[in-house]
């Protein structure tokens, strides 16, 4: 009596034999594949006058004309970038002290990019003492002290 396993093996070999005969009997004609067409880039510009353009994705949408933007004043006073740096803590061994400035731990002589309210700053840690750190940003040095009210 045949077992289900032996029946499955016979069926697999039969399928393989049938496929090899079918593949060998008629060689497939190779057709050259055409080069893919370039995908066009869609461009949508906001018109200067109302009603001169239509949104292709939302045809019933009313497109407003773009208003001219007011010119920004150039007399904006930028705060010193060093005022945005805060010494959060000091740690490490006396031979290798570490300073945490705005959440970024730095060692003496290290450069780091620090995210502040004034933007991203490249800060160089010049020296670390027992209660302060001396940093340099864009050639300007400042000594950061720990808060005394803690």
N, C-alpha and C. Protein backbone atom coordinates (compact mmCIF):
# COMPACT_ATOMS: atom_id res chain seq x y z
N UNK A 1 0.83 -1.18 0.00
CA UNK A 1 0.00 0.00 0.00
C UNK A 1 0.88 1.25 0.00
N UNK A 2 0.52 2.22 -0.80
CA UNK A 2 1.32 3.43 -0.90
C UNK A 2 0.92 4.40 0.19
N UNK A 3 1.93 5.10 0.72
CA UNK A 3 1.68 6.10 1.76
C UNK A 3 1.47 7.46 1.12
N UNK A 4 0.82 8.40 1.82
CA UNK A 4 0.63 9.74 1.24
C UNK A 4 1.94 10.42 0.90
N UNK A 5 2.97 10.09 1.64
CA UNK A 5 4.27 10.72 1.38
C UNK A 5 4.84 10.25 0.04
N UNK A 6 4.74 8.98 -0.24
CA UNK A 6 5.27 8.46 -1.50
C UNK A 6 4.46 8.96 -2.69
N UNK A 7 3.15 9.17 -2.48
CA UNK A 7 2.32 9.72 -3.56
C UNK A 7 2.75 11.16 -3.86
N UNK A 8 3.03 11.93 -2.83
CA UNK A 8 3.46 13.31 -3.03
C UNK A 8 4.80 13.38 -3.76
N UNK A 9 5.69 12.45 -3.45
CA UNK A 9 7.01 12.44 -4.11
C UNK A 9 6.84 12.12 -5.59
N UNK A 10 5.99 11.13 -5.90
CA UNK A 10 5.76 10.74 -7.29
C UNK A 10 5.13 11.90 -8.06
N UNK A 11 4.19 12.62 -7.45
CA UNK A 11 3.56 13.75 -8.11
C UNK A 11 4.56 14.88 -8.38
N UNK A 12 5.43 15.14 -7.43
CA UNK A 12 6.45 16.19 -7.63
C UNK A 12 7.38 15.86 -8.79
N UNK A 13 7.86 14.59 -8.83
CA UNK A 13 8.75 14.20 -9.92
C UNK A 13 8.00 14.26 -11.25
N UNK A 14 6.73 13.91 -11.26
CA UNK A 14 5.94 13.97 -12.48
C UNK A 14 5.78 15.40 -12.97
N UNK A 15 5.55 16.32 -12.04
CA UNK A 15 5.40 17.72 -12.42
C UNK A 15 6.70 18.28 -12.96
N UNK A 16 7.81 17.90 -12.35
CA UNK A 16 9.12 18.37 -12.82
C UNK A 16 9.41 17.84 -14.22
N UNK A 17 9.09 16.58 -14.44
CA UNK A 17 9.32 15.97 -15.76
C UNK A 17 8.45 16.65 -16.82
N UNK A 18 7.19 16.94 -16.48
CA UNK A 18 6.29 17.57 -17.44
C UNK A 18 6.76 18.98 -17.79
N UNK A 19 7.21 19.71 -16.81
CA UNK A 19 7.71 21.06 -17.06
C UNK A 19 8.98 21.06 -17.90
N UNK A 20 9.87 20.08 -17.66
CA UNK A 20 11.11 20.04 -18.44
C UNK A 20 10.83 19.68 -19.90
N UNK A 21 9.84 18.81 -20.13
CA UNK A 21 9.49 18.45 -21.50
C UNK A 21 8.85 19.65 -22.20
N UNK A 22 7.96 20.38 -21.49
CA UNK A 22 7.30 21.53 -22.09
C UNK A 22 8.29 22.64 -22.38
N UNK A 23 9.26 22.82 -21.52
CA UNK A 23 10.24 23.89 -21.72
C UNK A 23 11.21 23.54 -22.84
N UNK A 24 11.51 22.27 -23.00
CA UNK A 24 12.49 21.88 -24.02
C UNK A 24 11.88 21.74 -25.40
N UNK A 25 10.58 21.59 -25.53
CA UNK A 25 9.97 21.34 -26.82
C UNK A 25 9.87 22.58 -27.69
N UNK A 26 9.55 23.72 -27.11
CA UNK A 26 9.38 24.93 -27.91
C UNK A 26 10.24 26.03 -27.32
N UNK A 27 11.35 26.36 -27.98
CA UNK A 27 12.17 27.45 -27.44
C UNK A 27 11.43 28.78 -27.58
N UNK A 28 11.52 29.55 -26.56
CA UNK A 28 10.84 30.85 -26.55
C UNK A 28 11.60 31.83 -27.44
N UNK A 29 10.84 32.54 -28.26
CA UNK A 29 11.45 33.56 -29.12
C UNK A 29 11.75 34.79 -28.28
N UNK A 30 12.96 35.24 -28.34
CA UNK A 30 13.34 36.41 -27.57
C UNK A 30 12.94 37.67 -28.32
N UNK A 31 12.13 38.46 -27.67
CA UNK A 31 11.72 39.73 -28.27
C UNK A 31 12.48 40.84 -27.56
N UNK A 32 12.96 41.78 -28.32
CA UNK A 32 13.70 42.88 -27.66
C UNK A 32 12.73 43.70 -26.80
N UNK A 33 13.18 44.02 -25.61
CA UNK A 33 12.35 44.83 -24.71
C UNK A 33 12.55 46.30 -25.06
N UNK A 34 11.46 47.03 -25.19
CA UNK A 34 11.60 48.45 -25.54
C UNK A 34 12.16 49.23 -24.34
N UNK A 35 12.84 50.30 -24.64
CA UNK A 35 13.40 51.15 -23.59
C UNK A 35 12.24 51.84 -22.85
N UNK A 36 12.34 51.94 -21.55
CA UNK A 36 11.24 52.57 -20.81
C UNK A 36 11.13 54.06 -21.15
N UNK A 37 9.90 54.50 -21.26
CA UNK A 37 9.65 55.90 -21.59
C UNK A 37 9.95 56.76 -20.37
N UNK A 38 10.52 57.94 -20.55
CA UNK A 38 10.80 58.80 -19.39
C UNK A 38 9.50 59.26 -18.75
N UNK A 39 9.51 59.32 -17.44
CA UNK A 39 8.33 59.75 -16.70
C UNK A 39 8.29 61.27 -16.70
N UNK A 40 7.17 61.85 -17.16
CA UNK A 40 7.11 63.32 -17.19
C UNK A 40 6.98 63.88 -15.78
N UNK A 41 7.55 65.03 -15.56
CA UNK A 41 7.51 65.69 -14.27
C UNK A 41 6.34 66.67 -14.27
N UNK A 42 5.50 66.56 -13.25
CA UNK A 42 4.36 67.48 -13.18
C UNK A 42 4.79 68.75 -12.46
N UNK A 43 4.34 69.85 -12.98
CA UNK A 43 4.69 71.14 -12.42
C UNK A 43 3.40 71.92 -12.22
N UNK A 44 3.24 72.51 -11.05
CA UNK A 44 2.07 73.32 -10.77
C UNK A 44 2.53 74.64 -10.19
N UNK A 45 2.19 75.71 -10.84
CA UNK A 45 2.56 77.04 -10.35
C UNK A 45 1.31 77.78 -9.94
N UNK A 46 1.42 78.56 -8.89
CA UNK A 46 0.29 79.36 -8.43
C UNK A 46 0.20 80.59 -9.31
N UNK A 47 -0.97 80.84 -9.87
CA UNK A 47 -1.08 81.97 -10.81
C UNK A 47 -1.04 83.31 -10.09
N UNK A 48 -0.76 84.35 -10.87
CA UNK A 48 -0.74 85.71 -10.30
C UNK A 48 -2.12 86.34 -10.33
N UNK A 49 -3.00 85.86 -11.20
CA UNK A 49 -4.38 86.35 -11.24
C UNK A 49 -5.32 85.18 -10.99
N UNK A 50 -6.42 85.45 -10.31
CA UNK A 50 -7.37 84.40 -9.96
C UNK A 50 -8.07 83.86 -11.21
N UNK A 51 -8.34 82.55 -11.20
CA UNK A 51 -9.11 81.93 -12.28
C UNK A 51 -8.31 81.57 -13.50
N UNK A 52 -6.99 81.69 -13.51
CA UNK A 52 -6.20 81.36 -14.70
C UNK A 52 -5.60 79.97 -14.65
N UNK A 53 -5.78 79.26 -13.55
CA UNK A 53 -5.21 77.92 -13.44
C UNK A 53 -6.23 76.98 -12.80
N UNK A 54 -6.02 75.70 -13.05
CA UNK A 54 -6.90 74.68 -12.51
C UNK A 54 -6.04 73.59 -11.88
N UNK A 55 -6.43 73.14 -10.70
CA UNK A 55 -5.73 72.07 -10.01
C UNK A 55 -6.13 70.75 -10.67
N UNK A 56 -5.18 69.97 -11.21
CA UNK A 56 -5.55 68.74 -11.91
C UNK A 56 -6.12 67.67 -10.98
N UNK A 57 -5.81 67.72 -9.69
CA UNK A 57 -6.29 66.72 -8.77
C UNK A 57 -7.64 67.10 -8.15
N UNK A 58 -7.91 68.38 -8.03
CA UNK A 58 -9.17 68.87 -7.50
C UNK A 58 -9.71 69.93 -8.47
N UNK A 59 -10.40 69.51 -9.54
CA UNK A 59 -10.83 70.45 -10.59
C UNK A 59 -11.78 71.53 -10.11
N UNK A 60 -12.57 71.26 -9.08
CA UNK A 60 -13.52 72.26 -8.62
C UNK A 60 -12.92 73.24 -7.62
N UNK A 61 -11.66 73.08 -7.29
CA UNK A 61 -11.00 73.96 -6.33
C UNK A 61 -10.77 75.33 -6.93
N UNK A 62 -11.05 76.36 -6.15
CA UNK A 62 -10.80 77.72 -6.60
C UNK A 62 -9.39 78.10 -6.17
N UNK A 63 -8.58 78.50 -7.12
CA UNK A 63 -7.20 78.84 -6.83
C UNK A 63 -7.09 80.35 -6.66
N UNK A 64 -6.60 80.75 -5.52
CA UNK A 64 -6.43 82.17 -5.25
C UNK A 64 -5.10 82.63 -5.82
N UNK A 65 -5.05 83.87 -6.21
CA UNK A 65 -3.80 84.45 -6.70
C UNK A 65 -2.86 84.62 -5.52
N UNK A 66 -1.58 84.41 -5.76
CA UNK A 66 -0.60 84.55 -4.70
C UNK A 66 -0.34 86.03 -4.44
N UNK A 67 -0.52 86.42 -3.20
CA UNK A 67 -0.29 87.82 -2.83
C UNK A 67 1.20 88.08 -2.73
N UNK A 68 1.57 89.30 -3.06
CA UNK A 68 2.98 89.64 -2.95
C UNK A 68 3.36 89.70 -1.48
N UNK A 69 4.52 89.16 -1.17
CA UNK A 69 4.97 89.10 0.21
C UNK A 69 5.67 90.40 0.58
N UNK A 70 5.41 90.92 1.79
CA UNK A 70 6.10 92.14 2.20
C UNK A 70 7.59 91.88 2.40
N UNK A 71 8.37 92.88 2.12
CA UNK A 71 9.81 92.76 2.27
C UNK A 71 10.18 92.75 3.75
N UNK A 72 11.08 91.86 4.11
CA UNK A 72 11.53 91.78 5.50
C UNK A 72 12.50 92.92 5.78
N UNK A 73 12.40 93.44 6.99
CA UNK A 73 13.32 94.52 7.36
C UNK A 73 14.68 93.93 7.67
N UNK A 74 15.71 94.66 7.32
CA UNK A 74 17.07 94.18 7.55
C UNK A 74 17.63 94.68 8.87
N UNK A 75 16.86 95.46 9.62
CA UNK A 75 17.35 96.01 10.88
C UNK A 75 17.00 95.12 12.06
N UNK A 76 16.87 93.82 11.84
CA UNK A 76 16.54 92.90 12.92
C UNK A 76 17.77 92.69 13.78
N UNK A 77 17.61 92.84 15.07
CA UNK A 77 18.73 92.66 16.00
C UNK A 77 18.78 91.19 16.39
N UNK A 78 19.88 90.52 16.10
CA UNK A 78 20.06 89.13 16.45
C UNK A 78 20.79 89.05 17.79
N UNK A 79 20.26 88.26 18.73
CA UNK A 79 20.96 88.14 20.00
C UNK A 79 22.27 87.39 19.80
N UNK A 80 23.18 87.64 20.69
CA UNK A 80 24.46 86.95 20.62
C UNK A 80 24.21 85.45 20.76
N UNK A 81 24.87 84.68 19.93
CA UNK A 81 24.65 83.24 19.96
C UNK A 81 25.12 82.62 21.27
N UNK A 82 26.03 83.28 21.96
CA UNK A 82 26.52 82.74 23.22
C UNK A 82 25.49 82.86 24.34
N UNK A 83 24.51 83.75 24.21
CA UNK A 83 23.49 83.88 25.25
C UNK A 83 22.54 82.69 25.23
N UNK A 84 22.51 81.93 24.17
CA UNK A 84 21.63 80.77 24.07
C UNK A 84 22.26 79.52 24.67
N UNK A 85 23.51 79.57 25.06
CA UNK A 85 24.19 78.42 25.64
C UNK A 85 24.05 78.43 27.15
N UNK A 86 23.71 77.26 27.71
CA UNK A 86 23.53 77.13 29.15
C UNK A 86 24.34 75.95 29.63
N UNK A 87 25.12 76.15 30.70
CA UNK A 87 25.88 75.07 31.32
C UNK A 87 24.93 74.33 32.25
N UNK A 88 24.61 73.07 31.91
CA UNK A 88 23.65 72.28 32.67
C UNK A 88 24.31 71.48 33.80
N UNK A 89 25.58 71.11 33.63
CA UNK A 89 26.24 70.32 34.66
C UNK A 89 27.69 70.05 34.34
N UNK A 90 28.43 69.61 35.36
CA UNK A 90 29.84 69.25 35.23
C UNK A 90 30.02 67.85 35.81
N UNK A 91 30.85 67.05 35.18
CA UNK A 91 31.10 65.70 35.68
C UNK A 91 32.46 65.24 35.20
N UNK A 92 32.79 63.98 35.48
CA UNK A 92 34.04 63.41 35.04
C UNK A 92 35.11 63.50 36.10
N UNK A 93 36.23 62.89 35.81
CA UNK A 93 37.38 62.90 36.72
C UNK A 93 38.10 64.24 36.63
N UNK A 94 38.82 64.63 37.66
CA UNK A 94 39.56 65.90 37.59
C UNK A 94 40.56 65.93 36.44
N UNK A 95 41.09 64.78 36.05
CA UNK A 95 42.04 64.76 34.93
C UNK A 95 41.33 64.86 33.58
N UNK A 96 40.06 64.48 33.52
CA UNK A 96 39.30 64.53 32.27
C UNK A 96 37.89 65.03 32.58
N UNK A 97 37.72 66.33 32.83
CA UNK A 97 36.39 66.84 33.18
C UNK A 97 35.47 66.92 31.95
N UNK A 98 34.18 66.84 32.23
CA UNK A 98 33.16 66.92 31.19
C UNK A 98 32.17 68.01 31.55
N UNK A 99 31.65 68.70 30.55
CA UNK A 99 30.66 69.75 30.75
C UNK A 99 29.44 69.43 29.89
N UNK A 100 28.24 69.58 30.48
CA UNK A 100 27.02 69.39 29.73
C UNK A 100 26.47 70.76 29.37
N UNK A 101 26.51 71.08 28.07
CA UNK A 101 26.06 72.36 27.56
C UNK A 101 24.84 72.12 26.68
N UNK A 102 23.71 72.68 27.09
CA UNK A 102 22.43 72.51 26.38
C UNK A 102 22.13 71.03 26.10
N UNK A 103 22.44 70.16 27.04
CA UNK A 103 22.14 68.75 26.89
C UNK A 103 23.17 67.96 26.11
N UNK A 104 24.26 68.56 25.72
CA UNK A 104 25.33 67.88 24.97
C UNK A 104 26.58 67.83 25.83
N UNK A 105 27.08 66.63 26.10
CA UNK A 105 28.28 66.47 26.93
C UNK A 105 29.52 66.69 26.07
N UNK A 106 30.41 67.55 26.58
CA UNK A 106 31.63 67.89 25.84
C UNK A 106 32.84 67.75 26.75
N UNK A 107 33.96 67.42 26.16
CA UNK A 107 35.24 67.35 26.86
C UNK A 107 36.07 68.57 26.46
N UNK A 108 37.15 68.79 27.17
CA UNK A 108 38.06 69.90 26.88
C UNK A 108 38.65 69.73 25.48
N UNK A 109 38.57 70.78 24.65
CA UNK A 109 39.12 70.76 23.30
C UNK A 109 38.20 70.17 22.26
N UNK A 110 36.98 69.81 22.62
CA UNK A 110 36.07 69.17 21.68
C UNK A 110 35.20 70.20 20.95
N UNK A 111 34.89 69.91 19.69
CA UNK A 111 33.96 70.72 18.90
C UNK A 111 32.66 69.93 18.75
N UNK A 112 31.53 70.63 18.82
CA UNK A 112 30.24 69.96 18.66
C UNK A 112 29.22 70.93 18.12
N UNK A 113 28.26 70.40 17.35
CA UNK A 113 27.13 71.20 16.90
C UNK A 113 26.03 71.04 17.94
N UNK A 114 25.55 72.16 18.46
CA UNK A 114 24.55 72.14 19.52
C UNK A 114 23.32 72.88 19.04
N UNK A 115 22.15 72.25 19.24
CA UNK A 115 20.88 72.88 18.90
C UNK A 115 20.48 73.82 20.03
N UNK A 116 20.19 75.07 19.70
CA UNK A 116 19.77 76.06 20.69
C UNK A 116 18.54 76.78 20.17
N UNK A 117 18.00 77.68 21.00
CA UNK A 117 16.89 78.52 20.56
C UNK A 117 17.34 79.48 19.46
N UNK A 118 18.63 79.79 19.42
CA UNK A 118 19.18 80.70 18.40
C UNK A 118 19.52 79.97 17.11
N UNK A 119 19.35 78.66 17.09
CA UNK A 119 19.70 77.87 15.91
C UNK A 119 20.79 76.88 16.25
N UNK A 120 21.33 76.24 15.24
CA UNK A 120 22.39 75.26 15.42
C UNK A 120 23.73 75.97 15.44
N UNK A 121 24.50 75.73 16.52
CA UNK A 121 25.78 76.43 16.69
C UNK A 121 26.93 75.44 16.74
N UNK A 122 28.05 75.81 16.14
CA UNK A 122 29.28 75.04 16.25
C UNK A 122 30.04 75.59 17.44
N UNK A 123 30.15 74.78 18.51
CA UNK A 123 30.73 75.23 19.77
C UNK A 123 32.04 74.50 20.00
N UNK A 124 33.06 75.25 20.42
CA UNK A 124 34.36 74.68 20.78
C UNK A 124 34.54 74.86 22.28
N UNK A 125 34.75 73.76 23.00
CA UNK A 125 34.96 73.82 24.44
C UNK A 125 36.46 74.06 24.68
N UNK A 126 36.78 75.25 25.17
CA UNK A 126 38.18 75.62 25.37
C UNK A 126 38.73 75.01 26.65
N UNK A 127 38.01 75.20 27.77
CA UNK A 127 38.50 74.72 29.05
C UNK A 127 37.32 74.44 29.97
N UNK A 128 37.54 73.55 30.94
CA UNK A 128 36.54 73.24 31.95
C UNK A 128 37.19 73.36 33.32
N UNK A 129 36.60 74.19 34.18
CA UNK A 129 37.11 74.35 35.54
C UNK A 129 36.17 73.65 36.51
N UNK A 130 36.36 73.87 37.81
CA UNK A 130 35.53 73.17 38.80
C UNK A 130 34.08 73.63 38.80
N UNK A 131 33.80 74.89 38.41
CA UNK A 131 32.41 75.35 38.42
C UNK A 131 32.02 76.13 37.16
N UNK A 132 32.81 76.03 36.09
CA UNK A 132 32.47 76.73 34.86
C UNK A 132 33.11 76.06 33.65
N UNK A 133 32.69 76.49 32.48
CA UNK A 133 33.26 76.01 31.23
C UNK A 133 33.45 77.20 30.31
N UNK A 134 34.57 77.24 29.63
CA UNK A 134 34.87 78.32 28.69
C UNK A 134 34.64 77.77 27.29
N UNK A 135 33.74 78.43 26.54
CA UNK A 135 33.40 77.98 25.19
C UNK A 135 33.66 79.10 24.20
N UNK A 136 33.78 78.70 22.93
CA UNK A 136 34.02 79.66 21.86
C UNK A 136 33.09 79.36 20.70
N UNK A 137 32.39 80.41 20.22
CA UNK A 137 31.50 80.30 19.06
C UNK A 137 31.82 81.45 18.13
N UNK A 138 32.17 81.14 16.90
CA UNK A 138 32.50 82.15 15.88
C UNK A 138 33.56 83.13 16.37
N UNK A 139 34.58 82.64 17.05
CA UNK A 139 35.66 83.49 17.51
C UNK A 139 35.36 84.28 18.78
N UNK A 140 34.17 84.14 19.33
CA UNK A 140 33.78 84.87 20.53
C UNK A 140 33.79 83.90 21.72
N UNK A 141 34.53 84.25 22.78
CA UNK A 141 34.65 83.39 23.95
C UNK A 141 33.74 83.86 25.06
N UNK A 142 33.28 82.87 25.85
CA UNK A 142 32.45 83.19 27.00
C UNK A 142 32.62 82.10 28.04
N UNK A 143 32.57 82.51 29.31
CA UNK A 143 32.64 81.56 30.40
C UNK A 143 31.22 81.28 30.88
N UNK A 144 30.82 80.02 30.82
CA UNK A 144 29.49 79.61 31.27
C UNK A 144 29.60 79.09 32.71
N UNK A 145 28.76 79.61 33.60
CA UNK A 145 28.78 79.20 35.00
C UNK A 145 27.54 78.37 35.30
N UNK A 146 27.67 77.52 36.31
CA UNK A 146 26.51 76.78 36.79
C UNK A 146 25.56 77.75 37.49
N UNK A 147 24.27 77.42 37.45
CA UNK A 147 23.31 78.29 38.14
C UNK A 147 23.54 78.17 39.63
N UNK A 148 23.53 79.29 40.32
CA UNK A 148 23.80 79.29 41.77
C UNK A 148 22.53 79.12 42.58
N UNK A 149 21.35 79.24 41.99
CA UNK A 149 20.10 79.17 42.74
C UNK A 149 19.56 77.75 42.87
N UNK A 150 20.33 76.75 42.50
CA UNK A 150 19.85 75.36 42.60
C UNK A 150 20.04 74.79 43.98
